[in-house]
């Protein structure tokens, strides 16, 4: 290993609890929905697995569903970071994939543009800043964010194109851990329920 503490360089990812739109499959980026009762209950179950871990940095997307998940998980004052916001879907905000595919067959956020939304390059640019901050933190960083942005963040941690985030299914109220093994950035745990 290049540094004696390299095994401690970890990026912990928590997807926010369930919302009405995450349950229905509607694309949710800028719409600031609250957690459902089920989402709040699931977020509370994160306290146990996350307690007692020495995080040097705790950050959250600016959306209340992520901030509230952090609060319920025992992190009352996360640093709000705009770079952790969900992929901006533009004109597809609030639509399901099935609805979008009625006019754009085979559409996927990973392979097609979202009119009025962010490009994959824009998402990569801001998530690369999150990776750089986590790598510079000298310890464990915890982030609370969203399905597509966290999947894209995992891809960027691994040095992959944002589109490779399509390979990482991610449920609400789950914990994932990215780390370093002998100088290589790796996935240590993925999509784990508390």
N, C-alpha and C. Protein backbone atom coordinates (compact mmCIF):
# COMPACT_ATOMS: atom_id res chain seq x y z
N UNK A 1 0.82 -1.17 0.00
CA UNK A 1 0.00 0.00 0.00
C UNK A 1 0.87 1.24 0.00
N UNK A 2 0.37 2.26 -0.67
CA UNK A 2 1.16 3.48 -0.75
C UNK A 2 1.10 4.29 0.53
N UNK A 3 0.04 4.13 1.33
CA UNK A 3 -0.06 4.81 2.62
C UNK A 3 -0.46 3.79 3.66
N UNK A 4 0.01 3.96 4.86
CA UNK A 4 -0.31 2.99 5.91
C UNK A 4 -1.77 3.02 6.30
N UNK A 5 -2.46 4.15 6.10
CA UNK A 5 -3.87 4.25 6.49
C UNK A 5 -4.83 4.07 5.32
N UNK A 6 -4.33 3.58 4.19
CA UNK A 6 -5.15 3.51 2.99
C UNK A 6 -6.42 2.68 3.18
N UNK A 7 -6.36 1.64 4.02
CA UNK A 7 -7.55 0.83 4.23
C UNK A 7 -8.68 1.64 4.85
N UNK A 8 -8.35 2.78 5.45
CA UNK A 8 -9.36 3.62 6.08
C UNK A 8 -10.03 4.59 5.10
N UNK A 9 -9.47 4.77 3.90
CA UNK A 9 -10.09 5.64 2.91
C UNK A 9 -11.34 4.95 2.38
N UNK A 10 -12.48 5.41 2.86
CA UNK A 10 -13.74 4.81 2.42
C UNK A 10 -14.77 5.90 2.16
N UNK A 11 -15.63 5.62 1.21
CA UNK A 11 -16.76 6.48 0.90
C UNK A 11 -18.02 5.66 1.13
N UNK A 12 -18.77 6.02 2.17
CA UNK A 12 -20.01 5.34 2.53
C UNK A 12 -21.16 6.08 1.87
N UNK A 13 -22.04 5.33 1.20
CA UNK A 13 -23.17 5.90 0.48
C UNK A 13 -24.47 5.43 1.11
N UNK A 14 -25.38 6.38 1.36
CA UNK A 14 -26.71 6.03 1.85
C UNK A 14 -27.73 6.68 0.92
N UNK A 15 -28.57 5.85 0.32
CA UNK A 15 -29.67 6.39 -0.48
C UNK A 15 -30.80 6.76 0.47
N UNK A 16 -31.41 7.89 0.21
CA UNK A 16 -32.49 8.38 1.06
C UNK A 16 -33.63 7.36 1.18
N UNK A 17 -34.46 7.56 2.19
CA UNK A 17 -35.63 6.70 2.39
C UNK A 17 -36.67 6.90 1.29
N UNK A 18 -37.64 6.02 1.30
CA UNK A 18 -38.69 6.02 0.28
C UNK A 18 -39.48 7.33 0.27
N UNK A 19 -39.80 7.80 -0.94
CA UNK A 19 -40.74 8.89 -1.16
C UNK A 19 -41.88 8.33 -2.02
N UNK A 20 -42.93 9.11 -2.20
CA UNK A 20 -44.03 8.66 -3.07
C UNK A 20 -43.51 8.37 -4.48
N UNK A 21 -42.61 9.22 -4.98
CA UNK A 21 -42.13 9.04 -6.35
C UNK A 21 -41.09 7.94 -6.46
N UNK A 22 -40.28 7.71 -5.44
CA UNK A 22 -39.34 6.58 -5.54
C UNK A 22 -40.13 5.27 -5.54
N UNK A 23 -41.23 5.26 -4.80
CA UNK A 23 -42.08 4.06 -4.78
C UNK A 23 -42.75 3.82 -6.13
N UNK A 24 -43.18 4.90 -6.79
CA UNK A 24 -43.90 4.76 -8.06
C UNK A 24 -42.97 4.70 -9.27
N UNK A 25 -41.66 4.96 -9.07
CA UNK A 25 -40.71 4.91 -10.17
C UNK A 25 -40.63 6.20 -10.96
N UNK A 26 -41.16 7.29 -10.43
CA UNK A 26 -41.08 8.58 -11.11
C UNK A 26 -39.70 9.20 -10.90
N UNK A 27 -39.15 9.78 -11.94
CA UNK A 27 -37.84 10.42 -11.85
C UNK A 27 -37.95 11.68 -11.01
N UNK A 28 -37.13 11.74 -9.96
CA UNK A 28 -37.21 12.83 -8.99
C UNK A 28 -35.84 13.45 -8.80
N UNK A 29 -35.68 14.65 -9.30
CA UNK A 29 -34.41 15.34 -9.03
C UNK A 29 -34.70 16.61 -8.22
N UNK A 30 -35.20 17.64 -8.85
CA UNK A 30 -35.40 18.92 -8.16
C UNK A 30 -36.69 18.99 -7.35
N UNK A 31 -37.65 18.14 -7.63
CA UNK A 31 -38.89 18.14 -6.85
C UNK A 31 -38.54 17.67 -5.44
N UNK A 32 -38.85 18.49 -4.45
CA UNK A 32 -38.38 18.24 -3.09
C UNK A 32 -39.44 17.52 -2.26
N UNK A 33 -39.57 16.24 -2.47
CA UNK A 33 -40.59 15.43 -1.80
C UNK A 33 -40.14 14.98 -0.42
N UNK A 34 -41.11 14.85 0.50
CA UNK A 34 -40.78 14.30 1.82
C UNK A 34 -40.71 12.78 1.77
N UNK A 35 -40.16 12.20 2.82
CA UNK A 35 -40.16 10.76 2.97
C UNK A 35 -41.57 10.30 3.31
N UNK A 36 -41.92 9.10 2.88
CA UNK A 36 -43.16 8.48 3.33
C UNK A 36 -42.96 7.99 4.76
N UNK A 37 -44.04 7.57 5.41
CA UNK A 37 -43.90 6.99 6.75
C UNK A 37 -42.97 5.78 6.71
N UNK A 38 -43.12 4.95 5.66
CA UNK A 38 -42.25 3.79 5.49
C UNK A 38 -40.79 4.23 5.31
N UNK A 39 -40.59 5.32 4.55
CA UNK A 39 -39.25 5.85 4.32
C UNK A 39 -38.62 6.36 5.60
N UNK A 40 -39.41 7.01 6.44
CA UNK A 40 -38.89 7.49 7.73
C UNK A 40 -38.52 6.31 8.63
N UNK A 41 -39.38 5.30 8.68
CA UNK A 41 -39.09 4.13 9.52
C UNK A 41 -37.82 3.43 9.06
N UNK A 42 -37.66 3.29 7.75
CA UNK A 42 -36.46 2.63 7.22
C UNK A 42 -35.21 3.46 7.50
N UNK A 43 -35.33 4.78 7.41
CA UNK A 43 -34.18 5.65 7.69
C UNK A 43 -33.74 5.50 9.15
N UNK A 44 -34.68 5.33 10.05
CA UNK A 44 -34.33 5.14 11.47
C UNK A 44 -33.53 3.86 11.70
N UNK A 45 -33.73 2.86 10.86
CA UNK A 45 -33.00 1.60 11.03
C UNK A 45 -31.53 1.74 10.66
N UNK A 46 -31.16 2.86 10.03
CA UNK A 46 -29.77 3.09 9.65
C UNK A 46 -28.91 3.49 10.85
N UNK A 47 -29.55 3.90 11.94
CA UNK A 47 -28.80 4.36 13.12
C UNK A 47 -27.82 3.29 13.60
N UNK A 48 -28.30 2.07 13.79
CA UNK A 48 -27.44 1.00 14.31
C UNK A 48 -26.20 0.75 13.48
N UNK A 49 -26.35 0.47 12.19
CA UNK A 49 -25.16 0.18 11.37
C UNK A 49 -24.20 1.35 11.22
N UNK A 50 -24.69 2.59 11.37
CA UNK A 50 -23.83 3.75 11.17
C UNK A 50 -23.27 4.31 12.47
N UNK A 51 -23.83 3.90 13.61
CA UNK A 51 -23.34 4.44 14.88
C UNK A 51 -22.00 3.79 15.24
N UNK A 52 -21.20 4.55 15.92
CA UNK A 52 -19.90 4.04 16.35
C UNK A 52 -18.83 4.06 15.28
N UNK A 53 -19.17 4.50 14.09
CA UNK A 53 -18.18 4.59 13.02
C UNK A 53 -17.65 6.02 13.01
N UNK A 54 -16.35 6.15 12.95
CA UNK A 54 -15.72 7.46 13.00
C UNK A 54 -15.65 8.04 11.60
N UNK A 55 -16.67 8.82 11.25
CA UNK A 55 -16.69 9.49 9.94
C UNK A 55 -16.00 10.84 10.08
N UNK A 56 -15.05 11.11 9.21
CA UNK A 56 -14.36 12.39 9.25
C UNK A 56 -15.14 13.46 8.51
N UNK A 57 -16.08 13.03 7.68
CA UNK A 57 -16.86 13.96 6.87
C UNK A 57 -18.24 13.35 6.65
N UNK A 58 -19.30 14.13 6.89
CA UNK A 58 -20.68 13.69 6.62
C UNK A 58 -21.33 14.76 5.75
N UNK A 59 -21.77 14.36 4.57
CA UNK A 59 -22.36 15.30 3.61
C UNK A 59 -23.71 14.79 3.14
N UNK A 60 -24.54 15.73 2.67
CA UNK A 60 -25.84 15.38 2.15
C UNK A 60 -26.17 16.21 0.92
N UNK A 61 -26.96 15.63 0.06
CA UNK A 61 -27.59 16.38 -1.02
C UNK A 61 -28.42 17.49 -0.38
N UNK A 62 -28.70 18.56 -1.12
CA UNK A 62 -29.52 19.63 -0.57
C UNK A 62 -31.02 19.28 -0.49
N UNK A 63 -31.44 18.19 -1.06
CA UNK A 63 -32.86 17.84 -1.05
C UNK A 63 -33.28 17.33 0.33
N UNK A 64 -34.47 17.73 0.76
CA UNK A 64 -34.90 17.39 2.12
C UNK A 64 -35.03 15.90 2.34
N UNK A 65 -35.31 15.12 1.31
CA UNK A 65 -35.42 13.67 1.50
C UNK A 65 -34.08 13.07 1.92
N UNK A 66 -32.98 13.64 1.43
CA UNK A 66 -31.65 13.18 1.83
C UNK A 66 -31.26 13.73 3.20
N UNK A 67 -31.51 15.01 3.42
CA UNK A 67 -31.18 15.62 4.71
C UNK A 67 -31.97 14.97 5.84
N UNK A 68 -33.26 14.72 5.61
CA UNK A 68 -34.10 14.10 6.64
C UNK A 68 -33.65 12.66 6.92
N UNK A 69 -33.23 11.95 5.89
CA UNK A 69 -32.69 10.61 6.08
C UNK A 69 -31.45 10.68 6.96
N UNK A 70 -30.58 11.64 6.69
CA UNK A 70 -29.37 11.81 7.52
C UNK A 70 -29.76 12.07 8.97
N UNK A 71 -30.71 12.95 9.18
CA UNK A 71 -31.15 13.27 10.54
C UNK A 71 -31.69 12.04 11.26
N UNK A 72 -32.56 11.30 10.58
CA UNK A 72 -33.16 10.10 11.19
C UNK A 72 -32.12 9.01 11.44
N UNK A 73 -31.04 9.02 10.66
CA UNK A 73 -29.96 8.04 10.81
C UNK A 73 -28.96 8.45 11.89
N UNK A 74 -29.20 9.61 12.52
CA UNK A 74 -28.34 10.03 13.62
C UNK A 74 -27.32 11.11 13.28
N UNK A 75 -27.46 11.74 12.12
CA UNK A 75 -26.53 12.78 11.69
C UNK A 75 -27.31 14.07 11.48
N UNK A 76 -27.49 14.79 12.58
CA UNK A 76 -28.40 15.94 12.62
C UNK A 76 -27.93 17.14 11.80
N UNK A 77 -26.66 17.23 11.51
CA UNK A 77 -26.15 18.42 10.85
C UNK A 77 -25.15 18.08 9.75
N UNK A 78 -25.60 17.36 8.71
CA UNK A 78 -24.65 17.04 7.64
C UNK A 78 -24.30 18.30 6.85
N UNK A 79 -23.11 18.31 6.28
CA UNK A 79 -22.73 19.41 5.38
C UNK A 79 -23.52 19.23 4.08
N UNK A 80 -24.26 20.25 3.70
CA UNK A 80 -25.04 20.19 2.47
C UNK A 80 -24.11 20.49 1.29
N UNK A 81 -24.13 19.61 0.31
CA UNK A 81 -23.24 19.72 -0.84
C UNK A 81 -24.06 19.60 -2.12
N UNK A 82 -24.13 20.67 -2.87
CA UNK A 82 -24.89 20.69 -4.13
C UNK A 82 -24.41 19.62 -5.11
N UNK A 83 -23.14 19.23 -5.01
CA UNK A 83 -22.61 18.21 -5.92
C UNK A 83 -23.28 16.86 -5.74
N UNK A 84 -23.95 16.64 -4.60
CA UNK A 84 -24.62 15.36 -4.33
C UNK A 84 -26.07 15.33 -4.78
N UNK A 85 -26.57 16.41 -5.36
CA UNK A 85 -27.95 16.44 -5.84
C UNK A 85 -28.18 15.34 -6.87
N UNK A 86 -29.43 14.95 -6.99
CA UNK A 86 -29.78 13.92 -7.98
C UNK A 86 -29.55 14.45 -9.39
N UNK A 87 -29.29 13.55 -10.31
CA UNK A 87 -29.17 13.86 -11.73
C UNK A 87 -30.40 14.68 -12.11
N UNK A 88 -30.22 15.83 -12.72
CA UNK A 88 -31.34 16.68 -13.11
C UNK A 88 -31.98 16.12 -14.39
N UNK A 89 -33.26 15.74 -14.27
CA UNK A 89 -33.96 15.09 -15.38
C UNK A 89 -34.64 16.06 -16.33
N UNK A 90 -34.65 17.34 -16.02
CA UNK A 90 -35.25 18.33 -16.92
C UNK A 90 -36.70 18.03 -17.22
N UNK A 91 -37.03 17.93 -18.51
CA UNK A 91 -38.41 17.72 -18.94
C UNK A 91 -38.97 16.37 -18.50
N UNK A 92 -38.11 15.45 -18.07
CA UNK A 92 -38.56 14.13 -17.65
C UNK A 92 -38.83 14.04 -16.14
N UNK A 93 -38.68 15.16 -15.44
CA UNK A 93 -38.98 15.20 -14.01
C UNK A 93 -40.42 14.74 -13.77
N UNK A 94 -40.58 13.79 -12.86
CA UNK A 94 -41.90 13.30 -12.49
C UNK A 94 -42.44 12.20 -13.38
N UNK A 95 -41.74 11.88 -14.46
CA UNK A 95 -42.18 10.82 -15.36
C UNK A 95 -41.49 9.50 -15.02
N UNK A 96 -42.16 8.41 -15.35
CA UNK A 96 -41.55 7.09 -15.20
C UNK A 96 -40.80 6.77 -16.49
N UNK A 97 -39.94 5.78 -16.43
CA UNK A 97 -39.23 5.34 -17.63
C UNK A 97 -40.22 4.87 -18.68
N UNK A 98 -41.25 4.15 -18.27
CA UNK A 98 -42.26 3.66 -19.23
C UNK A 98 -42.94 4.83 -19.95
N UNK A 99 -43.23 5.91 -19.23
CA UNK A 99 -43.86 7.08 -19.86
C UNK A 99 -42.92 7.74 -20.85
N UNK A 100 -41.66 7.86 -20.50
CA UNK A 100 -40.67 8.47 -21.40
C UNK A 100 -40.50 7.63 -22.65
N UNK A 101 -40.50 6.31 -22.48
CA UNK A 101 -40.27 5.41 -23.62
C UNK A 101 -41.43 5.38 -24.61
N UNK A 102 -42.55 5.98 -24.27
CA UNK A 102 -43.65 6.09 -25.23
C UNK A 102 -43.25 7.01 -26.38
N UNK A 103 -42.39 7.99 -26.10
CA UNK A 103 -41.94 8.91 -27.15
C UNK A 103 -40.47 8.70 -27.54
N UNK A 104 -39.68 8.11 -26.61
CA UNK A 104 -38.26 7.83 -26.90
C UNK A 104 -38.00 6.36 -26.56
N UNK A 105 -38.24 5.46 -27.52
CA UNK A 105 -38.05 4.04 -27.24
C UNK A 105 -36.64 3.74 -26.71
N UNK A 106 -36.57 2.83 -25.76
CA UNK A 106 -35.30 2.40 -25.17
C UNK A 106 -34.59 3.50 -24.37
N UNK A 107 -35.29 4.58 -24.03
CA UNK A 107 -34.66 5.65 -23.27
C UNK A 107 -34.13 5.13 -21.93
N UNK A 108 -32.97 5.63 -21.55
CA UNK A 108 -32.38 5.40 -20.23
C UNK A 108 -31.56 6.64 -19.89
N UNK A 109 -31.58 7.03 -18.64
CA UNK A 109 -30.77 8.17 -18.22
C UNK A 109 -29.30 7.90 -18.50
N UNK A 110 -28.91 6.64 -18.53
CA UNK A 110 -27.50 6.26 -18.73
C UNK A 110 -27.05 6.38 -20.17
N UNK A 111 -28.00 6.34 -21.12
CA UNK A 111 -27.62 6.29 -22.53
C UNK A 111 -28.23 7.39 -23.39
N UNK A 112 -29.21 8.12 -22.88
CA UNK A 112 -29.91 9.13 -23.67
C UNK A 112 -29.92 10.46 -22.93
N UNK A 113 -30.04 11.56 -23.68
CA UNK A 113 -30.15 12.86 -23.02
C UNK A 113 -31.51 13.04 -22.35
N UNK A 114 -31.55 13.94 -21.40
CA UNK A 114 -32.79 14.36 -20.75
C UNK A 114 -32.98 15.83 -21.12
N UNK A 115 -33.88 16.14 -22.04
CA UNK A 115 -34.05 17.53 -22.49
C UNK A 115 -34.25 18.48 -21.31
N UNK A 116 -33.46 19.54 -21.29
CA UNK A 116 -33.54 20.52 -20.21
C UNK A 116 -32.86 20.08 -18.93
N UNK A 117 -32.27 18.89 -18.92
CA UNK A 117 -31.61 18.36 -17.73
C UNK A 117 -30.11 18.35 -17.89
N UNK A 118 -29.45 17.62 -17.01
CA UNK A 118 -27.99 17.53 -17.03
C UNK A 118 -27.50 16.49 -18.02
N UNK A 119 -26.31 16.73 -18.53
CA UNK A 119 -25.64 15.73 -19.35
C UNK A 119 -24.82 14.81 -18.43
N UNK A 120 -24.43 13.68 -18.95
CA UNK A 120 -23.57 12.76 -18.18
C UNK A 120 -22.25 13.45 -17.83
N UNK A 121 -21.75 14.28 -18.72
CA UNK A 121 -20.49 14.99 -18.47
C UNK A 121 -20.63 15.95 -17.30
N UNK A 122 -21.77 16.64 -17.20
CA UNK A 122 -22.00 17.57 -16.09
C UNK A 122 -22.10 16.81 -14.76
N UNK A 123 -22.78 15.67 -14.79
CA UNK A 123 -22.90 14.84 -13.59
C UNK A 123 -21.52 14.35 -13.16
N UNK A 124 -20.73 13.88 -14.11
CA UNK A 124 -19.37 13.38 -13.81
C UNK A 124 -18.52 14.48 -13.19
N UNK A 125 -18.61 15.68 -13.73
CA UNK A 125 -17.79 16.78 -13.24
C UNK A 125 -18.06 17.06 -11.75
N UNK A 126 -19.32 17.10 -11.37
CA UNK A 126 -19.61 17.41 -9.96
C UNK A 126 -19.34 16.22 -9.05
N UNK A 127 -19.57 15.02 -9.53
CA UNK A 127 -19.30 13.85 -8.68
C UNK A 127 -17.81 13.59 -8.55
N UNK A 128 -17.04 13.98 -9.54
CA UNK A 128 -15.58 13.89 -9.40
C UNK A 128 -15.08 14.76 -8.25
N UNK A 129 -15.76 15.88 -8.01
CA UNK A 129 -15.39 16.73 -6.88
C UNK A 129 -15.68 16.02 -5.55
N UNK A 130 -16.77 15.26 -5.50
CA UNK A 130 -17.10 14.49 -4.29
C UNK A 130 -16.03 13.42 -4.06
N UNK A 131 -15.65 12.72 -5.12
CA UNK A 131 -14.60 11.70 -5.01
C UNK A 131 -13.31 12.32 -4.50
N UNK A 132 -12.94 13.46 -5.06
CA UNK A 132 -11.69 14.12 -4.65
C UNK A 132 -11.74 14.52 -3.17
N UNK A 133 -12.88 15.02 -2.72
CA UNK A 133 -13.02 15.39 -1.31
C UNK A 133 -12.91 14.17 -0.41
N UNK A 134 -13.55 13.08 -0.82
CA UNK A 134 -13.50 11.85 -0.01
C UNK A 134 -12.09 11.28 0.04
N UNK A 135 -11.39 11.31 -1.07
CA UNK A 135 -10.02 10.78 -1.12
C UNK A 135 -9.06 11.64 -0.30
N UNK A 136 -9.35 12.93 -0.18
CA UNK A 136 -8.49 13.84 0.58
C UNK A 136 -8.83 13.85 2.07
N UNK A 137 -9.90 13.16 2.47
CA UNK A 137 -10.40 13.26 3.85
C UNK A 137 -9.59 12.47 4.86
N UNK A 138 -8.75 11.54 4.43
CA UNK A 138 -7.97 10.71 5.36
C UNK A 138 -8.86 9.99 6.36
N UNK A 139 -9.80 9.25 5.85
CA UNK A 139 -10.69 8.47 6.70
C UNK A 139 -11.99 8.16 5.97
N UNK A 140 -13.02 7.93 6.74
CA UNK A 140 -14.32 7.55 6.19
C UNK A 140 -15.20 8.77 5.97
N UNK A 141 -15.74 8.87 4.77
CA UNK A 141 -16.69 9.92 4.42
C UNK A 141 -18.06 9.27 4.23
N UNK A 142 -19.09 9.91 4.75
CA UNK A 142 -20.46 9.42 4.64
C UNK A 142 -21.27 10.42 3.84
N UNK A 143 -21.99 9.94 2.82
CA UNK A 143 -22.85 10.83 2.04
C UNK A 143 -24.27 10.28 1.96
N UNK A 144 -25.23 11.19 2.01
CA UNK A 144 -26.65 10.87 1.86
C UNK A 144 -27.12 11.51 0.57
N UNK A 145 -27.62 10.68 -0.34
CA UNK A 145 -28.02 11.23 -1.64
C UNK A 145 -29.09 10.36 -2.29
N UNK A 146 -29.00 10.19 -3.61
CA UNK A 146 -30.08 9.67 -4.43
C UNK A 146 -29.65 8.50 -5.31
N UNK A 147 -30.62 7.81 -5.85
CA UNK A 147 -30.38 6.61 -6.64
C UNK A 147 -29.40 6.78 -7.79
N UNK A 148 -29.73 7.63 -8.75
CA UNK A 148 -28.85 7.77 -9.91
C UNK A 148 -27.55 8.46 -9.57
N UNK A 149 -27.60 9.49 -8.72
CA UNK A 149 -26.35 10.19 -8.41
C UNK A 149 -25.38 9.28 -7.65
N UNK A 150 -25.89 8.44 -6.75
CA UNK A 150 -25.00 7.54 -6.02
C UNK A 150 -24.46 6.43 -6.91
N UNK A 151 -25.27 5.94 -7.82
CA UNK A 151 -24.79 4.93 -8.76
C UNK A 151 -23.70 5.51 -9.65
N UNK A 152 -23.91 6.75 -10.10
CA UNK A 152 -22.89 7.44 -10.91
C UNK A 152 -21.65 7.73 -10.06
N UNK A 153 -21.84 8.07 -8.80
CA UNK A 153 -20.71 8.33 -7.91
C UNK A 153 -19.86 7.07 -7.74
N UNK A 154 -20.50 5.93 -7.60
CA UNK A 154 -19.75 4.67 -7.50
C UNK A 154 -18.92 4.44 -8.76
N UNK A 155 -19.52 4.70 -9.91
CA UNK A 155 -18.78 4.53 -11.16
C UNK A 155 -17.56 5.45 -11.20
N UNK A 156 -17.74 6.70 -10.79
CA UNK A 156 -16.62 7.64 -10.81
C UNK A 156 -15.55 7.27 -9.79
N UNK A 157 -15.94 6.75 -8.61
CA UNK A 157 -14.98 6.28 -7.61
C UNK A 157 -14.09 5.20 -8.22
N UNK A 158 -14.69 4.33 -9.03
CA UNK A 158 -13.97 3.22 -9.65
C UNK A 158 -13.23 3.63 -10.92
N UNK A 159 -13.33 4.90 -11.31
CA UNK A 159 -12.66 5.37 -12.52
C UNK A 159 -13.40 5.03 -13.79
N UNK A 160 -14.70 4.73 -13.67
CA UNK A 160 -15.50 4.35 -14.82
C UNK A 160 -16.33 5.52 -15.33
N UNK A 161 -16.82 5.41 -16.54
CA UNK A 161 -17.71 6.40 -17.09
C UNK A 161 -19.01 6.41 -16.30
N UNK A 162 -19.64 7.57 -16.21
CA UNK A 162 -20.92 7.69 -15.50
C UNK A 162 -21.92 6.65 -15.97
N UNK A 163 -21.94 6.34 -17.25
CA UNK A 163 -22.91 5.39 -17.80
C UNK A 163 -22.80 4.01 -17.16
N UNK A 164 -21.65 3.69 -16.59
CA UNK A 164 -21.48 2.38 -15.95
C UNK A 164 -22.25 2.30 -14.63
N UNK A 165 -22.75 3.41 -14.15
CA UNK A 165 -23.62 3.39 -12.98
C UNK A 165 -24.86 2.54 -13.18
N UNK A 166 -25.19 2.28 -14.44
CA UNK A 166 -26.35 1.43 -14.75
C UNK A 166 -26.19 0.02 -14.17
N UNK A 167 -24.97 -0.38 -13.87
CA UNK A 167 -24.68 -1.73 -13.37
C UNK A 167 -24.90 -1.88 -11.87
N UNK A 168 -25.17 -0.78 -11.17
CA UNK A 168 -25.27 -0.80 -9.71
C UNK A 168 -26.70 -0.50 -9.26
N UNK A 169 -27.54 -1.51 -9.16
CA UNK A 169 -28.90 -1.30 -8.65
C UNK A 169 -28.81 -0.81 -7.21
N UNK A 170 -29.69 0.12 -6.83
CA UNK A 170 -29.60 0.72 -5.51
C UNK A 170 -30.99 1.01 -4.96
N UNK A 171 -31.33 0.36 -3.87
CA UNK A 171 -32.63 0.54 -3.23
C UNK A 171 -32.59 1.69 -2.23
N UNK A 172 -33.77 2.15 -1.83
CA UNK A 172 -33.86 3.20 -0.83
C UNK A 172 -33.42 2.67 0.53
N UNK A 173 -32.91 3.57 1.36
CA UNK A 173 -32.48 3.28 2.74
C UNK A 173 -31.47 2.14 2.82
N UNK A 174 -30.53 2.14 1.88
CA UNK A 174 -29.48 1.13 1.90
C UNK A 174 -28.12 1.79 2.11
N UNK A 175 -27.17 0.96 2.54
CA UNK A 175 -25.81 1.41 2.78
C UNK A 175 -24.88 0.69 1.81
N UNK A 176 -23.99 1.46 1.19
CA UNK A 176 -22.96 0.89 0.32
C UNK A 176 -21.63 1.48 0.76
N UNK A 177 -20.56 0.72 0.56
CA UNK A 177 -19.24 1.17 0.98
C UNK A 177 -18.25 0.98 -0.17
N UNK A 178 -17.59 2.09 -0.51
CA UNK A 178 -16.53 2.07 -1.49
C UNK A 178 -15.22 2.25 -0.74
N UNK A 179 -14.18 1.58 -1.19
CA UNK A 179 -12.92 1.66 -0.47
C UNK A 179 -11.73 1.55 -1.39
N UNK A 180 -10.60 1.24 -0.78
CA UNK A 180 -9.34 1.11 -1.51
C UNK A 180 -8.68 -0.20 -1.08
N UNK A 181 -8.26 -0.98 -2.05
CA UNK A 181 -7.56 -2.24 -1.77
C UNK A 181 -6.25 -2.24 -2.55
N UNK A 182 -5.15 -2.15 -1.82
CA UNK A 182 -3.80 -2.18 -2.43
C UNK A 182 -3.67 -1.17 -3.56
N UNK A 183 -4.20 0.02 -3.31
CA UNK A 183 -4.07 1.09 -4.29
C UNK A 183 -5.16 1.17 -5.33
N UNK A 184 -6.09 0.21 -5.32
CA UNK A 184 -7.17 0.21 -6.30
C UNK A 184 -8.48 0.54 -5.60
N UNK A 185 -9.22 1.48 -6.16
CA UNK A 185 -10.51 1.84 -5.60
C UNK A 185 -11.51 0.74 -5.95
N UNK A 186 -12.23 0.25 -4.91
CA UNK A 186 -13.08 -0.93 -5.04
C UNK A 186 -14.44 -0.72 -4.39
N UNK A 187 -15.35 -1.65 -4.66
CA UNK A 187 -16.62 -1.75 -3.96
C UNK A 187 -16.43 -2.74 -2.83
N UNK A 188 -16.67 -2.31 -1.59
CA UNK A 188 -16.54 -3.20 -0.43
C UNK A 188 -17.88 -3.83 -0.07
N UNK A 189 -18.96 -3.06 -0.13
CA UNK A 189 -20.31 -3.55 0.13
C UNK A 189 -21.25 -2.77 -0.77
N UNK A 190 -22.33 -3.43 -1.19
CA UNK A 190 -23.26 -2.71 -2.07
C UNK A 190 -24.70 -3.04 -1.74
N UNK A 191 -25.53 -1.99 -1.66
CA UNK A 191 -26.99 -2.10 -1.57
C UNK A 191 -27.40 -2.93 -0.35
N UNK A 192 -26.77 -2.69 0.79
CA UNK A 192 -27.03 -3.47 2.00
C UNK A 192 -28.14 -2.84 2.82
N UNK A 193 -29.09 -3.66 3.22
CA UNK A 193 -30.14 -3.22 4.13
C UNK A 193 -29.61 -3.28 5.56
N UNK A 194 -30.03 -2.33 6.39
CA UNK A 194 -29.57 -2.35 7.81
C UNK A 194 -30.02 -3.61 8.52
